[in-house]
Amino acid sequence: QVQLVESGGGLVQPGGSLRLSCAASGSIVSIGTMGWYRQAPGNERELVAHVIRDGITNYADSVKGRFTISRDNAKKTVYLQMNSLKPEDTAVYYCNLRVFIPPWRDYWGQGTQVTVSS
């Protein structure tokens, strides 16, 4: 059984910063790609950023230069540092981890609300 626990969401003013964390626990042999997605009301869930095992990252165009994804393999944790936040960043943010138990499976966090508003 694998559990993902997210933390770090909240209310922030435009231009502010937040740091999200997602920690995995359970009988995990290995973790592959780790990513963050978000879903705003009325919209489909979209990829924000992901990081593969060797640290190579990929970002949605809308967050490039403002968000930074990182991972700590020893802690089985992925982070999302969000700077220069905009109202359009408001959404529920979900982490997604590809985990080898075995076999390889995708797991989702419970979601954390990020609201950017003055």
PDB file of N, CA and C in Angstrom:
ATOM      1  N   GLN A   1       0.842  -1.189   0.000  1.00  0.00           N
ATOM      2  CA  GLN A   1       0.000   0.000   0.000  1.00  0.00           C
ATOM      3  C   GLN A   1       0.879   1.241   0.000  1.00  0.00           C
ATOM      4  N   VAL A   2       0.564   2.180  -0.882  1.00  0.00           N
ATOM      5  CA  VAL A   2       1.326   3.416  -0.998  1.00  0.00           C
ATOM      6  C   VAL A   2       0.414   4.590  -0.652  1.00  0.00           C
ATOM      7  N   GLN A   3       0.916   5.486   0.141  1.00  0.00           N
ATOM      8  CA  GLN A   3       0.172   6.701   0.476  1.00  0.00           C
ATOM      9  C   GLN A   3       0.987   7.924   0.118  1.00  0.00           C
ATOM     10  N   LEU A   4       0.307   8.937  -0.424  1.00  0.00           N
ATOM     11  CA  LEU A   4       0.932  10.220  -0.724  1.00  0.00           C
ATOM     12  C   LEU A   4       0.255  11.280   0.126  1.00  0.00           C
ATOM     13  N   VAL A   5       1.043  12.080   0.803  1.00  0.00           N
ATOM     14  CA  VAL A   5       0.502  13.137   1.648  1.00  0.00           C
ATOM     15  C   VAL A   5       1.045  14.471   1.170  1.00  0.00           C
ATOM     16  N   GLU A   6       0.120  15.340   0.760  1.00  0.00           N
ATOM     17  CA  GLU A   6       0.488  16.664   0.272  1.00  0.00           C
ATOM     18  C   GLU A   6       0.344  17.698   1.379  1.00  0.00           C
ATOM     19  N   SER A   7       1.144  18.747   1.290  1.00  0.00           N
ATOM     20  CA  SER A   7       1.033  19.862   2.231  1.00  0.00           C
ATOM     21  C   SER A   7       1.551  21.129   1.563  1.00  0.00           C
ATOM     22  N   GLY A   8       1.195  22.280   2.139  1.00  0.00           N
ATOM     23  CA  GLY A   8       1.766  23.543   1.695  1.00  0.00           C
ATOM     24  C   GLY A   8       0.835  24.471   0.959  1.00  0.00           C
ATOM     25  N   GLY A   9      -0.377  24.049   0.666  1.00  0.00           N
ATOM     26  CA  GLY A   9      -1.297  24.936  -0.039  1.00  0.00           C
ATOM     27  C   GLY A   9      -1.821  26.030   0.875  1.00  0.00           C
ATOM     28  N   GLY A  10      -2.599  26.940   0.291  1.00  0.00           N
ATOM     29  CA  GLY A  10      -3.172  28.007   1.101  1.00  0.00           C
ATOM     30  C   GLY A  10      -3.557  29.209   0.270  1.00  0.00           C
ATOM     31  N   LEU A  11      -3.821  30.311   0.970  1.00  0.00           N
ATOM     32  CA  LEU A  11      -4.203  31.573   0.339  1.00  0.00           C
ATOM     33  C   LEU A  11      -3.003  32.506   0.325  1.00  0.00           C
ATOM     34  N   VAL A  12      -2.730  33.092  -0.825  1.00  0.00           N
ATOM     35  CA  VAL A  12      -1.582  33.988  -0.962  1.00  0.00           C
ATOM     36  C   VAL A  12      -1.973  35.130  -1.891  1.00  0.00           C
ATOM     37  N   GLN A  13      -1.360  36.287  -1.671  1.00  0.00           N
ATOM     38  CA  GLN A  13      -1.629  37.436  -2.528  1.00  0.00           C
ATOM     39  C   GLN A  13      -0.866  37.309  -3.844  1.00  0.00           C
ATOM     40  N   PRO A  14      -1.346  37.949  -4.891  1.00  0.00           N
ATOM     41  CA  PRO A  14      -0.595  37.952  -6.154  1.00  0.00           C
ATOM     42  C   PRO A  14       0.833  38.435  -5.933  1.00  0.00           C
ATOM     43  N   GLY A  15       1.769  37.729  -6.572  1.00  0.00           N
ATOM     44  CA  GLY A  15       3.180  38.034  -6.393  1.00  0.00           C
ATOM     45  C   GLY A  15       3.836  37.266  -5.267  1.00  0.00           C
ATOM     46  N   GLY A  16       3.032  36.576  -4.471  1.00  0.00           N
ATOM     47  CA  GLY A  16       3.564  35.823  -3.343  1.00  0.00           C
ATOM     48  C   GLY A  16       4.100  34.466  -3.739  1.00  0.00           C
ATOM     49  N   SER A  17       4.504  33.713  -2.716  1.00  0.00           N
ATOM     50  CA  SER A  17       5.121  32.402  -2.929  1.00  0.00           C
ATOM     51  C   SER A  17       4.500  31.361  -2.021  1.00  0.00           C
ATOM     52  N   LEU A  18       4.523  30.130  -2.494  1.00  0.00           N
ATOM     53  CA  LEU A  18       4.137  28.966  -1.701  1.00  0.00           C
ATOM     54  C   LEU A  18       5.042  27.808  -2.094  1.00  0.00           C
ATOM     55  N   ARG A  19       5.208  26.877  -1.167  1.00  0.00           N
ATOM     56  CA  ARG A  19       5.968  25.662  -1.445  1.00  0.00           C
ATOM     57  C   ARG A  19       5.111  24.460  -1.097  1.00  0.00           C
ATOM     58  N   LEU A  20       4.859  23.631  -2.105  1.00  0.00           N
ATOM     59  CA  LEU A  20       4.107  22.401  -1.910  1.00  0.00           C
ATOM     60  C   LEU A  20       5.054  21.233  -1.702  1.00  0.00           C
ATOM     61  N   SER A  21       4.619  20.278  -0.881  1.00  0.00           N
ATOM     62  CA  SER A  21       5.377  19.054  -0.659  1.00  0.00           C
ATOM     63  C   SER A  21       4.458  17.857  -0.831  1.00  0.00           C
ATOM     64  N   CYS A  22       5.032  16.760  -1.273  1.00  0.00           N
ATOM     65  CA  CYS A  22       4.282  15.512  -1.420  1.00  0.00           C
ATOM     66  C   CYS A  22       5.208  14.376  -1.005  1.00  0.00           C
ATOM     67  N   ALA A  23       4.858  13.714   0.099  1.00  0.00           N
ATOM     68  CA  ALA A  23       5.698  12.653   0.644  1.00  0.00           C
ATOM     69  C   ALA A  23       5.017  11.309   0.459  1.00  0.00           C
ATOM     70  N   ALA A  24       5.793  10.343  -0.020  1.00  0.00           N
ATOM     71  CA  ALA A  24       5.279   8.992  -0.239  1.00  0.00           C
ATOM     72  C   ALA A  24       5.724   8.071   0.887  1.00  0.00           C
ATOM     73  N   SER A  25       4.860   7.133   1.217  1.00  0.00           N
ATOM     74  CA  SER A  25       5.203   6.124   2.215  1.00  0.00           C
ATOM     75  C   SER A  25       4.611   4.793   1.796  1.00  0.00           C
ATOM     76  N   GLY A  26       5.170   3.706   2.358  1.00  0.00           N
ATOM     77  CA  GLY A  26       4.702   2.374   2.002  1.00  0.00           C
ATOM     78  C   GLY A  26       5.840   1.508   1.517  1.00  0.00           C
ATOM     79  N   SER A  27       5.473   0.330   1.008  1.00  0.00           N
ATOM     80  CA  SER A  27       6.477  -0.649   0.560  1.00  0.00           C
ATOM     81  C   SER A  27       6.934  -0.318  -0.858  1.00  0.00           C
ATOM     82  N   ILE A  28       7.746   0.727  -0.967  1.00  0.00           N
ATOM     83  CA  ILE A  28       8.179   1.254  -2.255  1.00  0.00           C
ATOM     84  C   ILE A  28       9.595   0.794  -2.555  1.00  0.00           C
ATOM     85  N   VAL A  29       9.771   0.183  -3.731  1.00  0.00           N
ATOM     86  CA  VAL A  29      11.099  -0.241  -4.144  1.00  0.00           C
ATOM     87  C   VAL A  29      11.823   0.905  -4.844  1.00  0.00           C
ATOM     88  N   SER A  30      11.096   1.607  -5.694  1.00  0.00           N
ATOM     89  CA  SER A  30      11.710   2.688  -6.454  1.00  0.00           C
ATOM     90  C   SER A  30      10.627   3.666  -6.901  1.00  0.00           C
ATOM     91  N   ILE A  31      11.031   4.903  -7.138  1.00  0.00           N
ATOM     92  CA  ILE A  31      10.117   5.924  -7.652  1.00  0.00           C
ATOM     93  C   ILE A  31      10.681   6.474  -8.947  1.00  0.00           C
ATOM     94  N   GLY A  32       9.846   6.505  -9.966  1.00  0.00           N
ATOM     95  CA  GLY A  32      10.258   7.052 -11.250  1.00  0.00           C
ATOM     96  C   GLY A  32       9.917   8.525 -11.339  1.00  0.00           C
ATOM     97  N   THR A  33       9.159   8.869 -12.360  1.00  0.00           N
ATOM     98  CA  THR A  33       8.790  10.268 -12.556  1.00  0.00           C
ATOM     99  C   THR A  33       7.886  10.761 -11.432  1.00  0.00           C
ATOM    100  N   MET A  34       8.169  11.992 -10.991  1.00  0.00           N
ATOM    101  CA  MET A  34       7.350  12.652  -9.963  1.00  0.00           C
ATOM    102  C   MET A  34       6.847  13.957 -10.572  1.00  0.00           C
ATOM    103  N   GLY A  35       5.574  14.249 -10.375  1.00  0.00           N
ATOM    104  CA  GLY A  35       5.026  15.435 -11.031  1.00  0.00           C
ATOM    105  C   GLY A  35       3.951  16.117 -10.222  1.00  0.00           C
ATOM    106  N   TRP A  36       3.645  17.330 -10.667  1.00  0.00           N
ATOM    107  CA  TRP A  36       2.548  18.106 -10.103  1.00  0.00           C
ATOM    108  C   TRP A  36       1.574  18.464 -11.221  1.00  0.00           C
ATOM    109  N   TYR A  37       0.291  18.303 -10.925  1.00  0.00           N
ATOM    110  CA  TYR A  37      -0.789  18.678 -11.818  1.00  0.00           C
ATOM    111  C   TYR A  37      -1.690  19.650 -11.074  1.00  0.00           C
ATOM    112  N   ARG A  38      -2.537  20.346 -11.828  1.00  0.00           N
ATOM    113  CA  ARG A  38      -3.504  21.216 -11.182  1.00  0.00           C
ATOM    114  C   ARG A  38      -4.816  21.195 -11.953  1.00  0.00           C
ATOM    115  N   GLN A  39      -5.883  21.496 -11.218  1.00  0.00           N
ATOM    116  CA  GLN A  39      -7.209  21.532 -11.829  1.00  0.00           C
ATOM    117  C   GLN A  39      -7.987  22.699 -11.249  1.00  0.00           C
ATOM    118  N   ALA A  40      -8.333  23.640 -12.115  1.00  0.00           N
ATOM    119  CA  ALA A  40      -9.153  24.781 -11.730  1.00  0.00           C
ATOM    120  C   ALA A  40     -10.613  24.449 -12.016  1.00  0.00           C
ATOM    121  N   PRO A  41     -11.540  25.103 -11.330  1.00  0.00           N
ATOM    122  CA  PRO A  41     -12.967  24.826 -11.562  1.00  0.00           C
ATOM    123  C   PRO A  41     -13.340  24.979 -13.025  1.00  0.00           C
ATOM    124  N   GLY A  42     -14.013  23.955 -13.558  1.00  0.00           N
ATOM    125  CA  GLY A  42     -14.456  23.993 -14.947  1.00  0.00           C
ATOM    126  C   GLY A  42     -13.406  23.611 -15.959  1.00  0.00           C
ATOM    127  N   ASN A  43     -12.190  23.349 -15.469  1.00  0.00           N
ATOM    128  CA  ASN A  43     -11.097  22.982 -16.376  1.00  0.00           C
ATOM    129  C   ASN A  43     -10.669  21.536 -16.166  1.00  0.00           C
ATOM    130  N   GLU A  44      -9.983  20.995 -17.164  1.00  0.00           N
ATOM    131  CA  GLU A  44      -9.419  19.666 -17.018  1.00  0.00           C
ATOM    132  C   GLU A  44      -8.114  19.743 -16.219  1.00  0.00           C
ATOM    133  N   ARG A  45      -7.733  18.619 -15.639  1.00  0.00           N
ATOM    134  CA  ARG A  45      -6.465  18.556 -14.915  1.00  0.00           C
ATOM    135  C   ARG A  45      -5.323  18.703 -15.916  1.00  0.00           C
ATOM    136  N   GLU A  46      -4.345  19.549 -15.568  1.00  0.00           N
ATOM    137  CA  GLU A  46      -3.231  19.802 -16.482  1.00  0.00           C
ATOM    138  C   GLU A  46      -1.897  19.605 -15.773  1.00  0.00           C
ATOM    139  N   LEU A  47      -0.900  19.230 -16.560  1.00  0.00           N
ATOM    140  CA  LEU A  47       0.443  19.062 -16.021  1.00  0.00           C
ATOM    141  C   LEU A  47       1.047  20.427 -15.717  1.00  0.00           C
ATOM    142  N   VAL A  48       1.625  20.556 -14.529  1.00  0.00           N
ATOM    143  CA  VAL A  48       2.345  21.766 -14.154  1.00  0.00           C
ATOM    144  C   VAL A  48       3.845  21.571 -14.371  1.00  0.00           C
ATOM    145  N   ALA A  49       4.354  20.462 -13.838  1.00  0.00           N
ATOM    146  CA  ALA A  49       5.783  20.180 -13.963  1.00  0.00           C
ATOM    147  C   ALA A  49       6.040  18.733 -13.588  1.00  0.00           C
ATOM    148  N   HIS A  50       7.114  18.162 -14.135  1.00  0.00           N
ATOM    149  CA  HIS A  50       7.533  16.850 -13.650  1.00  0.00           C
ATOM    150  C   HIS A  50       9.054  16.759 -13.654  1.00  0.00           C
ATOM    151  N   VAL A  51       9.556  15.827 -12.857  1.00  0.00           N
ATOM    152  CA  VAL A  51      10.988  15.606 -12.741  1.00  0.00           C
ATOM    153  C   VAL A  51      11.233  14.099 -12.781  1.00  0.00           C
ATOM    154  N   ILE A  52      12.156  13.684 -13.652  1.00  0.00           N
ATOM    155  CA  ILE A  52      12.461  12.261 -13.751  1.00  0.00           C
ATOM    156  C   ILE A  52      13.592  11.906 -12.781  1.00  0.00           C
ATOM    157  N   ARG A  53      13.961  10.645 -12.734  1.00  0.00           N
ATOM    158  CA  ARG A  53      14.861  10.162 -11.686  1.00  0.00           C
ATOM    159  C   ARG A  53      16.199  10.883 -11.685  1.00  0.00           C
ATOM    160  N   ASP A  54      16.717  11.220 -12.866  1.00  0.00           N
ATOM    161  CA  ASP A  54      18.042  11.841 -12.906  1.00  0.00           C
ATOM    162  C   ASP A  54      17.985  13.349 -12.718  1.00  0.00           C
ATOM    163  N   GLY A  55      16.787  13.874 -12.435  1.00  0.00           N
ATOM    164  CA  GLY A  55      16.658  15.293 -12.132  1.00  0.00           C
ATOM    165  C   GLY A  55      16.245  16.177 -13.282  1.00  0.00           C
ATOM    166  N   ILE A  56      16.094  15.610 -14.468  1.00  0.00           N
ATOM    167  CA  ILE A  56      15.657  16.416 -15.609  1.00  0.00           C
ATOM    168  C   ILE A  56      14.207  16.838 -15.394  1.00  0.00           C
ATOM    169  N   THR A  57      13.944  18.113 -15.640  1.00  0.00           N
ATOM    170  CA  THR A  57      12.625  18.676 -15.365  1.00  0.00           C
ATOM    171  C   THR A  57      11.936  19.145 -16.635  1.00  0.00           C
ATOM    172  N   ASN A  58      10.618  19.274 -16.529  1.00  0.00           N
ATOM    173  CA  ASN A  58       9.807  19.784 -17.621  1.00  0.00           C
ATOM    174  C   ASN A  58       8.685  20.612 -17.011  1.00  0.00           C
ATOM    175  N   TYR A  59       8.389  21.771 -17.626  1.00  0.00           N
ATOM    176  CA  TYR A  59       7.394  22.688 -17.082  1.00  0.00           C
ATOM    177  C   TYR A  59       6.369  23.081 -18.140  1.00  0.00           C
ATOM    178  N   ALA A  60       5.153  23.334 -17.676  1.00  0.00           N
ATOM    179  CA  ALA A  60       4.161  23.962 -18.547  1.00  0.00           C
ATOM    180  C   ALA A  60       4.640  25.377 -18.877  1.00  0.00           C
ATOM    181  N   ASP A  61       4.338  25.838 -20.070  1.00  0.00           N
ATOM    182  CA  ASP A  61       4.779  27.175 -20.475  1.00  0.00           C
ATOM    183  C   ASP A  61       4.284  28.255 -19.515  1.00  0.00           C
ATOM    184  N   SER A  62       3.100  28.052 -18.963  1.00  0.00           N
ATOM    185  CA  SER A  62       2.489  29.072 -18.116  1.00  0.00           C
ATOM    186  C   SER A  62       3.214  29.276 -16.788  1.00  0.00           C
ATOM    187  N   VAL A  63       4.079  28.328 -16.396  1.00  0.00           N
ATOM    188  CA  VAL A  63       4.758  28.450 -15.100  1.00  0.00           C
ATOM    189  C   VAL A  63       6.275  28.541 -15.234  1.00  0.00           C
ATOM    190  N   LYS A  64       6.797  28.441 -16.444  1.00  0.00           N
ATOM    191  CA  LYS A  64       8.250  28.503 -16.643  1.00  0.00           C
ATOM    192  C   LYS A  64       8.811  29.808 -16.103  1.00  0.00           C
ATOM    193  N   GLY A  65       9.900  29.685 -15.357  1.00  0.00           N
ATOM    194  CA  GLY A  65      10.541  30.862 -14.790  1.00  0.00           C
ATOM    195  C   GLY A  65       9.967  31.292 -13.449  1.00  0.00           C
ATOM    196  N   ARG A  66       8.833  30.711 -13.070  1.00  0.00           N
ATOM    197  CA  ARG A  66       8.199  31.072 -11.792  1.00  0.00           C
ATOM    198  C   ARG A  66       8.157  29.896 -10.817  1.00  0.00           C
ATOM    199  N   PHE A  67       7.961  28.694 -11.338  1.00  0.00           N
ATOM    200  CA  PHE A  67       7.851  27.499 -10.496  1.00  0.00           C
ATOM    201  C   PHE A  67       9.109  26.652 -10.654  1.00  0.00           C
ATOM    202  N   THR A  68       9.478  25.956  -9.576  1.00  0.00           N
ATOM    203  CA  THR A  68      10.608  25.038  -9.601  1.00  0.00           C
ATOM    204  C   THR A  68      10.217  23.732  -8.931  1.00  0.00           C
ATOM    205  N   ILE A  69      10.373  22.632  -9.661  1.00  0.00           N
ATOM    206  CA  ILE A  69      10.103  21.309  -9.097  1.00  0.00           C
ATOM    207  C   ILE A  69      11.428  20.671  -8.692  1.00  0.00           C
ATOM    208  N   SER A  70      11.407  19.955  -7.576  1.00  0.00           N
ATOM    209  CA  SER A  70      12.606  19.251  -7.121  1.00  0.00           C
ATOM    210  C   SER A  70      12.179  17.987  -6.393  1.00  0.00           C
ATOM    211  N   ARG A  71      13.132  17.078  -6.210  1.00  0.00           N
ATOM    212  CA  ARG A  71      12.828  15.816  -5.541  1.00  0.00           C
ATOM    213  C   ARG A  71      13.951  15.448  -4.593  1.00  0.00           C
ATOM    214  N   ASP A  72      13.566  14.736  -3.533  1.00  0.00           N
ATOM    215  CA  ASP A  72      14.518  14.171  -2.580  1.00  0.00           C
ATOM    216  C   ASP A  72      14.225  12.681  -2.552  1.00  0.00           C
ATOM    217  N   ASN A  73      15.055  11.919  -3.252  1.00  0.00           N
ATOM    218  CA  ASN A  73      14.784  10.483  -3.382  1.00  0.00           C
ATOM    219  C   ASN A  73      14.870   9.765  -2.043  1.00  0.00           C
ATOM    220  N   ALA A  74      15.771  10.185  -1.185  1.00  0.00           N
ATOM    221  CA  ALA A  74      15.912   9.536   0.119  1.00  0.00           C
ATOM    222  C   ALA A  74      14.663   9.723   0.978  1.00  0.00           C
ATOM    223  N   LYS A  75      14.038  10.883   0.832  1.00  0.00           N
ATOM    224  CA  LYS A  75      12.828  11.173   1.607  1.00  0.00           C
ATOM    225  C   LYS A  75      11.560  10.803   0.856  1.00  0.00           C
ATOM    226  N   LYS A  76      11.709  10.339  -0.394  1.00  0.00           N
ATOM    227  CA  LYS A  76      10.547   9.974  -1.220  1.00  0.00           C
ATOM    228  C   LYS A  76       9.577  11.152  -1.308  1.00  0.00           C
ATOM    229  N   THR A  77      10.130  12.317  -1.548  1.00  0.00           N
ATOM    230  CA  THR A  77       9.338  13.545  -1.523  1.00  0.00           C
ATOM    231  C   THR A  77       9.614  14.380  -2.765  1.00  0.00           C
ATOM    232  N   VAL A  78       8.549  15.006  -3.276  1.00  0.00           N
ATOM    233  CA  VAL A  78       8.671  15.944  -4.378  1.00  0.00           C
ATOM    234  C   VAL A  78       8.145  17.293  -3.900  1.00  0.00           C
ATOM    235  N   TYR A  79       8.796  18.354  -4.365  1.00  0.00           N
ATOM    236  CA  TYR A  79       8.447  19.710  -3.956  1.00  0.00           C
ATOM    237  C   TYR A  79       8.079  20.549  -5.179  1.00  0.00           C
ATOM    238  N   LEU A  80       7.283  21.574  -4.936  1.00  0.00           N
ATOM    239  CA  LEU A  80       6.996  22.550  -5.975  1.00  0.00           C
ATOM    240  C   LEU A  80       7.092  23.936  -5.345  1.00  0.00           C
ATOM    241  N   GLN A  81       8.147  24.657  -5.676  1.00  0.00           N
ATOM    242  CA  GLN A  81       8.309  26.025  -5.220  1.00  0.00           C
ATOM    243  C   GLN A  81       7.630  26.937  -6.222  1.00  0.00           C
ATOM    244  N   MET A  82       6.654  27.695  -5.751  1.00  0.00           N
ATOM    245  CA  MET A  82       5.871  28.560  -6.629  1.00  0.00           C
ATOM    246  C   MET A  82       6.103  30.014  -6.237  1.00  0.00           C
ATOM    247  N   ASN A  83       6.696  30.771  -7.143  1.00  0.00           N
ATOM    248  CA  ASN A  83       6.974  32.193  -6.920  1.00  0.00           C
ATOM    249  C   ASN A  83       6.181  33.043  -7.897  1.00  0.00           C
ATOM    250  N   SER A  84       6.090  34.310  -7.607  1.00  0.00           N
ATOM    251  CA  SER A  84       5.382  35.260  -8.483  1.00  0.00           C
ATOM    252  C   SER A  84       4.006  34.727  -8.867  1.00  0.00           C
ATOM    253  N   LEU A  85       3.284  34.275  -7.877  1.00  0.00           N
ATOM    254  CA  LEU A  85       1.982  33.650  -8.130  1.00  0.00           C
ATOM    255  C   LEU A  85       0.985  34.642  -8.699  1.00  0.00           C
ATOM    256  N   LYS A  86       0.137  34.136  -9.588  1.00  0.00           N
ATOM    257  CA  LYS A  86      -0.888  34.932 -10.259  1.00  0.00           C
ATOM    258  C   LYS A  86      -2.273  34.373  -9.934  1.00  0.00           C
ATOM    259  N   PRO A  87      -3.312  35.179 -10.046  1.00  0.00           N
ATOM    260  CA  PRO A  87      -4.662  34.651  -9.794  1.00  0.00           C
ATOM    261  C   PRO A  87      -4.995  33.437 -10.656  1.00  0.00           C
ATOM    262  N   GLU A  88      -4.457  33.391 -11.866  1.00  0.00           N
ATOM    263  CA  GLU A  88      -4.743  32.246 -12.737  1.00  0.00           C
ATOM    264  C   GLU A  88      -4.043  30.968 -12.307  1.00  0.00           C
ATOM    265  N   ASP A  89      -3.191  31.047 -11.285  1.00  0.00           N
ATOM    266  CA  ASP A  89      -2.584  29.843 -10.713  1.00  0.00           C
ATOM    267  C   ASP A  89      -3.518  29.174  -9.698  1.00  0.00           C
ATOM    268  N   THR A  90      -4.621  29.818  -9.386  1.00  0.00           N
ATOM    269  CA  THR A  90      -5.574  29.259  -8.422  1.00  0.00           C
ATOM    270  C   THR A  90      -6.137  27.940  -8.940  1.00  0.00           C
ATOM    271  N   ALA A  91      -6.001  26.895  -8.122  1.00  0.00           N
ATOM    272  CA  ALA A  91      -6.433  25.551  -8.515  1.00  0.00           C
ATOM    273  C   ALA A  91      -6.193  24.595  -7.349  1.00  0.00           C
ATOM    274  N   VAL A  92      -6.690  23.385  -7.510  1.00  0.00           N
ATOM    275  CA  VAL A  92      -6.286  22.293  -6.624  1.00  0.00           C
ATOM    276  C   VAL A  92      -5.072  21.634  -7.269  1.00  0.00           C
ATOM    277  N   TYR A  93      -4.017  21.498  -6.497  1.00  0.00           N
ATOM    278  CA  TYR A  93      -2.772  20.923  -6.991  1.00  0.00           C
ATOM    279  C   TYR A  93      -2.633  19.481  -6.495  1.00  0.00           C
ATOM    280  N   TYR A  94      -2.304  18.591  -7.428  1.00  0.00           N
ATOM    281  CA  TYR A  94      -2.165  17.170  -7.120  1.00  0.00           C
ATOM    282  C   TYR A  94      -0.755  16.702  -7.473  1.00  0.00           C
ATOM    283  N   CYS A  95      -0.166  15.909  -6.601  1.00  0.00           N
ATOM    284  CA  CYS A  95       1.095  15.282  -6.973  1.00  0.00           C
ATOM    285  C   CYS A  95       0.792  13.914  -7.595  1.00  0.00           C
ATOM    286  N   ASN A  96       1.690  13.485  -8.446  1.00  0.00           N
ATOM    287  CA  ASN A  96       1.577  12.192  -9.113  1.00  0.00           C
ATOM    288  C   ASN A  96       2.940  11.535  -9.106  1.00  0.00           C
ATOM    289  N   LEU A  97       3.009  10.321  -8.606  1.00  0.00           N
ATOM    290  CA  LEU A  97       4.281   9.599  -8.553  1.00  0.00           C
ATOM    291  C   LEU A  97       4.125   8.255  -9.254  1.00  0.00           C
ATOM    292  N   ARG A  98       5.120   7.916 -10.043  1.00  0.00           N
ATOM    293  CA  ARG A  98       5.164   6.590 -10.651  1.00  0.00           C
ATOM    294  C   ARG A  98       6.041   5.717  -9.745  1.00  0.00           C
ATOM    295  N   VAL A  99       5.420   4.714  -9.165  1.00  0.00           N
ATOM    296  CA  VAL A  99       6.052   3.965  -8.083  1.00  0.00           C
ATOM    297  C   VAL A  99       6.197   2.502  -8.478  1.00  0.00           C
ATOM    298  N   PHE A 100       7.359   1.912  -8.125  1.00  0.00           N
ATOM    299  CA  PHE A 100       7.606   0.492  -8.358  1.00  0.00           C
ATOM    300  C   PHE A 100       7.473  -0.235  -7.039  1.00  0.00           C
ATOM    301  N   ILE A 101       6.451  -1.110  -6.990  1.00  0.00           N
ATOM    302  CA  ILE A 101       6.173  -1.837  -5.743  1.00  0.00           C
ATOM    303  C   ILE A 101       6.981  -3.123  -5.655  1.00  0.00           C
ATOM    304  N   PRO A 102       6.891  -4.038  -6.691  1.00  0.00           N
ATOM    305  CA  PRO A 102       6.394  -3.966  -8.081  1.00  0.00           C
ATOM    306  C   PRO A 102       4.895  -4.265  -8.162  1.00  0.00           C
ATOM    307  N   PRO A 103       4.257  -4.019  -9.326  1.00  0.00           N
ATOM    308  CA  PRO A 103       4.803  -3.487 -10.586  1.00  0.00           C
ATOM    309  C   PRO A 103       4.822  -1.967 -10.562  1.00  0.00           C
ATOM    310  N   TRP A 104       5.084  -1.319 -11.685  1.00  0.00           N
ATOM    311  CA  TRP A 104       5.010   0.138 -11.781  1.00  0.00           C
ATOM    312  C   TRP A 104       3.539   0.555 -11.794  1.00  0.00           C
ATOM    313  N   ARG A 105       3.228   1.555 -10.966  1.00  0.00           N
ATOM    314  CA  ARG A 105       1.867   2.096 -10.927  1.00  0.00           C
ATOM    315  C   ARG A 105       1.932   3.582 -10.654  1.00  0.00           C
ATOM    316  N   ASP A 106       0.906   4.298 -11.089  1.00  0.00           N
ATOM    317  CA  ASP A 106       0.797   5.730 -10.812  1.00  0.00           C
ATOM    318  C   ASP A 106      -0.075   5.949  -9.581  1.00  0.00           C
ATOM    319  N   TYR A 107       0.374   6.850  -8.704  1.00  0.00           N
ATOM    320  CA  TYR A 107      -0.382   7.201  -7.513  1.00  0.00           C
ATOM    321  C   TYR A 107      -0.590   8.712  -7.477  1.00  0.00           C
ATOM    322  N   TRP A 108      -1.758   9.109  -6.931  1.00  0.00           N
ATOM    323  CA  TRP A 108      -2.114  10.522  -6.833  1.00  0.00           C
ATOM    324  C   TRP A 108      -2.237  10.947  -5.376  1.00  0.00           C
ATOM    325  N   GLY A 109      -1.829  12.174  -5.099  1.00  0.00           N
ATOM    326  CA  GLY A 109      -2.076  12.753  -3.793  1.00  0.00           C
ATOM    327  C   GLY A 109      -3.527  13.176  -3.667  1.00  0.00           C
ATOM    328  N   GLN A 110      -3.881  13.631  -2.460  1.00  0.00           N
ATOM    329  CA  GLN A 110      -5.281  13.968  -2.188  1.00  0.00           C
ATOM    330  C   GLN A 110      -5.667  15.343  -2.719  1.00  0.00           C
ATOM    331  N   GLY A 111      -4.681  16.129  -3.102  1.00  0.00           N
ATOM    332  CA  GLY A 111      -4.942  17.473  -3.613  1.00  0.00           C
ATOM    333  C   GLY A 111      -4.831  18.516  -2.514  1.00  0.00           C
ATOM    334  N   THR A 112      -4.286  19.659  -2.872  1.00  0.00           N
ATOM    335  CA  THR A 112      -4.187  20.779  -1.940  1.00  0.00           C
ATOM    336  C   THR A 112      -4.589  22.058  -2.661  1.00  0.00           C
ATOM    337  N   GLN A 113      -5.418  22.862  -2.010  1.00  0.00           N
ATOM    338  CA  GLN A 113      -5.951  24.063  -2.638  1.00  0.00           C
ATOM    339  C   GLN A 113      -4.940  25.188  -2.579  1.00  0.00           C
ATOM    340  N   VAL A 114      -4.707  25.815  -3.722  1.00  0.00           N
ATOM    341  CA  VAL A 114      -3.898  27.029  -3.806  1.00  0.00           C
ATOM    342  C   VAL A 114      -4.799  28.131  -4.338  1.00  0.00           C
ATOM    343  N   THR A 115      -4.930  29.202  -3.574  1.00  0.00           N
ATOM    344  CA  THR A 115      -5.760  30.333  -3.968  1.00  0.00           C
ATOM    345  C   THR A 115      -4.908  31.595  -3.984  1.00  0.00           C
ATOM    346  N   VAL A 116      -4.878  32.256  -5.133  1.00  0.00           N
ATOM    347  CA  VAL A 116      -4.108  33.492  -5.281  1.00  0.00           C
ATOM    348  C   VAL A 116      -5.107  34.631  -5.453  1.00  0.00           C
ATOM    349  N   SER A 117      -5.182  35.474  -4.440  1.00  0.00           N
ATOM    350  CA  SER A 117      -6.182  36.537  -4.453  1.00  0.00           C
ATOM    351  C   SER A 117      -5.767  37.651  -3.517  1.00  0.00           C
ATOM    352  N   SER A 118      -6.151  38.868  -3.878  1.00  0.00           N
ATOM    353  CA  SER A 118      -5.881  40.008  -3.004  1.00  0.00           C
ATOM    354  C   SER A 118      -7.088  40.287  -2.109  1.00  0.00           C
TER     355      SER A 118
END
